[in-house]
Amino acid sequence: MTTTELYSVYCQAYADYDRSFGSAPRIAAPNKVSRAIVEFAAEDAANGLARRSRDQFERAIQTGLEALGPLGLRAA
């Protein structure tokens, strides 16, 4: 998946997070990297952080490359 595709997953998961009930997003995450991004978005939303911009998201991905690599993320 590209960073653009992952950002789309992040935005959808962030928007889907139900702050009233603290429930996890209900979007399809077909692979481990996508699931990690859904969890990342839910964590941001649960903590009341504003949705990250594309630049902020890309910086976070760069910071997390070491952890995301074993999940299947490959550098473009």
C-alpha atoms as a PDB file:
ATOM      1  CA  MET A   1       0.000   0.000   0.000  1.00  0.00           C
ATOM      2  CA  THR A   2       1.143   3.516  -0.688  1.00  0.00           C
ATOM      3  CA  THR A   3       1.274   6.278   1.903  1.00  0.00           C
ATOM      4  CA  THR A   4      -1.656   7.912   0.092  1.00  0.00           C
ATOM      5  CA  GLU A   5      -3.717   4.722   0.448  1.00  0.00           C
ATOM      6  CA  LEU A   6      -2.745   4.418   4.104  1.00  0.00           C
ATOM      7  CA  TYR A   7      -3.711   8.043   4.717  1.00  0.00           C
ATOM      8  CA  SER A   8      -7.118   7.298   3.228  1.00  0.00           C
ATOM      9  CA  VAL A   9      -7.491   4.374   5.657  1.00  0.00           C
ATOM     10  CA  TYR A  10      -6.405   6.651   8.525  1.00  0.00           C
ATOM     11  CA  CYS A  11      -8.947   9.362   7.607  1.00  0.00           C
ATOM     12  CA  GLN A  12     -11.781   6.873   7.231  1.00  0.00           C
ATOM     13  CA  ALA A  13     -10.962   5.153  10.527  1.00  0.00           C
ATOM     14  CA  TYR A  14     -10.583   8.476  12.337  1.00  0.00           C
ATOM     15  CA  ALA A  15     -13.978   9.642  11.058  1.00  0.00           C
ATOM     16  CA  ASP A  16     -15.599   6.300  11.935  1.00  0.00           C
ATOM     17  CA  TYR A  17     -14.401   6.281  15.543  1.00  0.00           C
ATOM     18  CA  ASP A  18     -17.384   6.765  17.850  1.00  0.00           C
ATOM     19  CA  ARG A  19     -16.206   9.066  20.631  1.00  0.00           C
ATOM     20  CA  SER A  20     -19.504   8.691  22.492  1.00  0.00           C
ATOM     21  CA  PHE A  21     -18.992   5.009  23.069  1.00  0.00           C
ATOM     22  CA  GLY A  22     -15.249   4.707  22.550  1.00  0.00           C
ATOM     23  CA  SER A  23     -15.823   2.068  19.925  1.00  0.00           C
ATOM     24  CA  ALA A  24     -13.254   1.032  17.376  1.00  0.00           C
ATOM     25  CA  PRO A  25     -13.730   1.966  13.731  1.00  0.00           C
ATOM     26  CA  ARG A  26     -15.666  -0.561  11.688  1.00  0.00           C
ATOM     27  CA  ILE A  27     -13.736  -0.341   8.439  1.00  0.00           C
ATOM     28  CA  ALA A  28     -12.265  -3.256   6.545  1.00  0.00           C
ATOM     29  CA  ALA A  29      -8.538  -3.629   7.114  1.00  0.00           C
ATOM     30  CA  PRO A  30      -7.326  -6.315   4.711  1.00  0.00           C
ATOM     31  CA  ASN A  31      -3.756  -6.580   5.986  1.00  0.00           C
ATOM     32  CA  LYS A  32      -1.608  -6.035   9.069  1.00  0.00           C
ATOM     33  CA  VAL A  33      -0.388  -2.600   8.003  1.00  0.00           C
ATOM     34  CA  SER A  34      -3.956  -1.389   7.432  1.00  0.00           C
ATOM     35  CA  ARG A  35      -5.020  -2.760  10.807  1.00  0.00           C
ATOM     36  CA  ALA A  36      -2.143  -0.916  12.473  1.00  0.00           C
ATOM     37  CA  ILE A  37      -3.220   2.312  10.762  1.00  0.00           C
ATOM     38  CA  VAL A  38      -6.836   1.798  11.917  1.00  0.00           C
ATOM     39  CA  GLU A  39      -5.561   1.374  15.485  1.00  0.00           C
ATOM     40  CA  PHE A  40      -3.377   4.462  15.076  1.00  0.00           C
ATOM     41  CA  ALA A  41      -6.395   6.515  13.954  1.00  0.00           C
ATOM     42  CA  ALA A  42      -8.555   5.185  16.776  1.00  0.00           C
ATOM     43  CA  GLU A  43      -5.858   6.078  19.290  1.00  0.00           C
ATOM     44  CA  ASP A  44      -5.642   9.635  17.947  1.00  0.00           C
ATOM     45  CA  ALA A  45      -9.436   9.993  18.032  1.00  0.00           C
ATOM     46  CA  ALA A  46      -9.755   8.465  21.514  1.00  0.00           C
ATOM     47  CA  ASN A  47      -7.134  10.843  22.863  1.00  0.00           C
ATOM     48  CA  GLY A  48      -8.918  13.854  21.384  1.00  0.00           C
ATOM     49  CA  LEU A  49      -6.136  14.665  18.946  1.00  0.00           C
ATOM     50  CA  ALA A  50      -7.096  16.465  15.768  1.00  0.00           C
ATOM     51  CA  ARG A  51      -6.963  14.347  12.622  1.00  0.00           C
ATOM     52  CA  ARG A  52      -3.420  14.473  11.292  1.00  0.00           C
ATOM     53  CA  SER A  53      -2.708  16.285   8.062  1.00  0.00           C
ATOM     54  CA  ARG A  54      -1.189  14.310   5.212  1.00  0.00           C
ATOM     55  CA  ASP A  55       2.244  15.764   6.068  1.00  0.00           C
ATOM     56  CA  GLN A  56       1.876  14.904   9.759  1.00  0.00           C
ATOM     57  CA  PHE A  57       0.737  11.397   8.836  1.00  0.00           C
ATOM     58  CA  GLU A  58       3.681  10.866   6.474  1.00  0.00           C
ATOM     59  CA  ARG A  59       6.108  12.013   9.187  1.00  0.00           C
ATOM     60  CA  ALA A  60       4.496   9.560  11.627  1.00  0.00           C
ATOM     61  CA  ILE A  61       4.850   6.763   9.062  1.00  0.00           C
ATOM     62  CA  GLN A  62       8.515   7.636   8.582  1.00  0.00           C
ATOM     63  CA  THR A  63       9.011   7.538  12.343  1.00  0.00           C
ATOM     64  CA  GLY A  64       7.266   4.160  12.554  1.00  0.00           C
ATOM     65  CA  LEU A  65       8.937   2.459   9.585  1.00  0.00           C
ATOM     66  CA  GLU A  66      10.931   0.169  11.857  1.00  0.00           C
ATOM     67  CA  ALA A  67       7.751  -1.093  13.535  1.00  0.00           C
ATOM     68  CA  LEU A  68       5.640  -1.181  10.350  1.00  0.00           C
ATOM     69  CA  GLY A  69       8.255  -3.019   8.273  1.00  0.00           C
ATOM     70  CA  PRO A  70       7.642  -6.394   9.960  1.00  0.00           C
ATOM     71  CA  LEU A  71       3.924  -5.933   9.280  1.00  0.00           C
ATOM     72  CA  GLY A  72       4.595  -5.734   5.569  1.00  0.00           C
ATOM     73  CA  LEU A  73       5.115  -2.015   4.844  1.00  0.00           C
ATOM     74  CA  ARG A  74       7.729  -1.511   2.191  1.00  0.00           C
ATOM     75  CA  ALA A  75       9.489   1.745   1.408  1.00  0.00           C
ATOM     76  CA  ALA A  76       8.402   3.148  -1.940  1.00  0.00           C
END
